[in-house]
Amino acid sequence: MFYSVQIDDTTADITQTTQYFITLRFVNRNWELVERFLDGFHNVSDDHTAEGLFNLISSVLNEFDIEEKLVGQCYDGASVMAGHLTGLQARVKNVAALRQMQCLHTVYRIG
């Protein structure tokens, strides 16, 4: 299965605890686009560096026994995520052997 991964975080609640969310998108055998929310990870680490987030994604993919057939990744515009030299997307791209298309998204909060 070839897939893309999206990771996003939020600290919007009153506890100010960082929560990470990881979603996979893939095309199934019937050529239907499928999106699966893997899990929300509440304050899993104090390491919010690109390396810490890379380790988080790696451990989650291993936990769900997902093979390394990553073809796309999507993060917000934070430099720790999107940095093309040392950001998370650069670390993932160094491991994934396939060509990838990166996607940056911006979340607009209301209120």
Protein backbone atom coordinates (compact mmCIF):
# COMPACT_ATOMS: atom_id res chain seq x y z
CA MET A 1 0.00 0.00 0.00
CA PHE A 2 1.36 3.39 -1.00
CA TYR A 3 0.21 6.20 1.26
CA SER A 4 0.66 9.80 2.32
CA VAL A 5 0.87 11.02 5.89
CA GLN A 6 -0.40 14.22 7.48
CA ILE A 7 0.59 15.36 10.94
CA ASP A 8 -0.77 18.36 12.76
CA ASP A 9 -0.71 19.63 16.29
CA THR A 10 -2.82 21.84 18.47
CA THR A 11 -2.62 23.44 21.89
CA ALA A 12 -6.07 24.99 21.76
CA ASP A 13 -7.51 23.61 25.00
CA ILE A 14 -7.15 25.17 28.45
CA THR A 15 -4.45 22.71 29.55
CA GLN A 16 -2.08 24.05 26.85
CA THR A 17 -0.96 20.45 26.25
CA THR A 18 0.34 19.78 22.76
CA GLN A 19 -1.67 17.14 20.94
CA TYR A 20 -0.45 15.55 17.69
CA PHE A 21 -2.76 13.98 15.14
CA ILE A 22 -1.60 11.62 12.40
CA THR A 23 -3.73 10.77 9.36
CA LEU A 24 -2.99 8.41 6.46
CA ARG A 25 -4.45 8.67 2.96
CA PHE A 26 -4.25 5.89 0.41
CA VAL A 27 -6.06 4.33 -2.54
CA ASN A 28 -7.53 0.90 -1.82
CA ARG A 29 -7.80 -2.08 -4.19
CA ASN A 30 -11.07 -0.70 -5.59
CA TRP A 31 -9.33 2.57 -6.48
CA GLU A 32 -11.21 4.46 -3.78
CA LEU A 33 -9.49 7.19 -1.79
CA VAL A 34 -9.39 6.23 1.89
CA GLU A 35 -8.43 8.45 4.80
CA ARG A 36 -7.67 6.93 8.21
CA PHE A 37 -7.13 8.84 11.41
CA LEU A 38 -4.55 6.79 13.29
CA ASP A 39 -4.71 8.42 16.69
CA GLY A 40 -4.29 11.57 18.72
CA PHE A 41 -1.17 11.67 20.83
CA HIS A 42 -1.37 13.84 23.89
CA ASN A 43 1.91 15.36 25.04
CA VAL A 44 3.87 12.29 23.98
CA SER A 45 7.18 14.01 24.39
CA ASP A 46 8.74 17.28 25.36
CA ASP A 47 10.90 16.96 22.24
CA HIS A 48 9.13 19.11 19.66
CA THR A 49 12.14 19.17 17.34
CA ALA A 50 12.12 17.72 13.83
CA GLU A 51 13.98 14.67 15.14
CA GLY A 52 11.47 14.18 17.96
CA LEU A 53 8.53 14.41 15.54
CA PHE A 54 10.28 12.06 13.11
CA ASN A 55 10.68 9.54 15.93
CA LEU A 56 6.97 9.97 16.77
CA ILE A 57 5.87 9.24 13.20
CA SER A 58 8.24 6.28 12.93
CA SER A 59 6.99 4.73 16.16
CA VAL A 60 3.33 5.20 15.18
CA LEU A 61 3.85 3.63 11.75
CA ASN A 62 5.70 0.73 13.38
CA GLU A 63 2.96 0.34 16.00
CA PHE A 64 0.34 0.00 13.26
CA ASP A 65 2.69 -2.23 11.21
CA ILE A 66 2.61 0.10 8.21
CA GLU A 67 5.27 -0.55 5.59
CA GLU A 68 7.57 2.19 4.35
CA LYS A 69 5.81 3.02 1.08
CA LEU A 70 5.34 6.72 1.76
CA VAL A 71 4.75 8.82 -1.35
CA GLY A 72 3.51 12.09 0.16
CA GLN A 73 3.59 14.14 3.32
CA CYS A 74 1.64 17.14 4.56
CA TYR A 75 2.48 19.46 7.46
CA ASP A 76 1.75 22.99 8.56
CA GLY A 77 4.10 25.83 7.68
CA ALA A 78 6.15 25.73 10.90
CA SER A 79 9.88 25.54 10.18
CA VAL A 80 10.28 22.47 12.40
CA MET A 81 7.82 20.68 10.11
CA ALA A 82 8.45 22.19 6.69
CA GLY A 83 12.14 23.12 6.78
CA HIS A 84 13.71 21.77 3.59
CA LEU A 85 17.14 21.16 5.14
CA THR A 86 16.55 20.00 8.72
CA GLY A 87 12.77 20.00 9.13
CA LEU A 88 10.57 16.97 9.57
CA GLN A 89 9.78 16.75 5.85
CA ALA A 90 13.50 16.67 5.02
CA ARG A 91 14.11 13.85 7.52
CA VAL A 92 11.20 11.81 6.16
CA LYS A 93 12.31 12.41 2.59
CA ASN A 94 15.80 11.11 3.42
CA VAL A 95 14.31 7.80 4.62
CA ALA A 96 11.56 7.30 2.02
CA ALA A 97 13.07 6.04 -1.23
CA LEU A 98 10.20 7.16 -3.47
CA ARG A 99 9.56 10.52 -5.01
CA GLN A 100 7.37 12.65 -2.83
CA MET A 101 5.24 15.72 -3.08
CA GLN A 102 5.17 17.89 0.00
CA CYS A 103 2.10 19.85 0.96
CA LEU A 104 1.98 22.78 3.32
CA HIS A 105 -1.32 23.74 4.83
CA THR A 106 -2.44 26.62 6.97
CA VAL A 107 -5.13 26.28 9.59
CA TYR A 108 -7.12 29.40 10.34
CA ARG A 109 -8.51 29.51 13.84
CA ILE A 110 -11.72 31.27 14.65
CA GLY A 111 -12.09 33.06 17.94
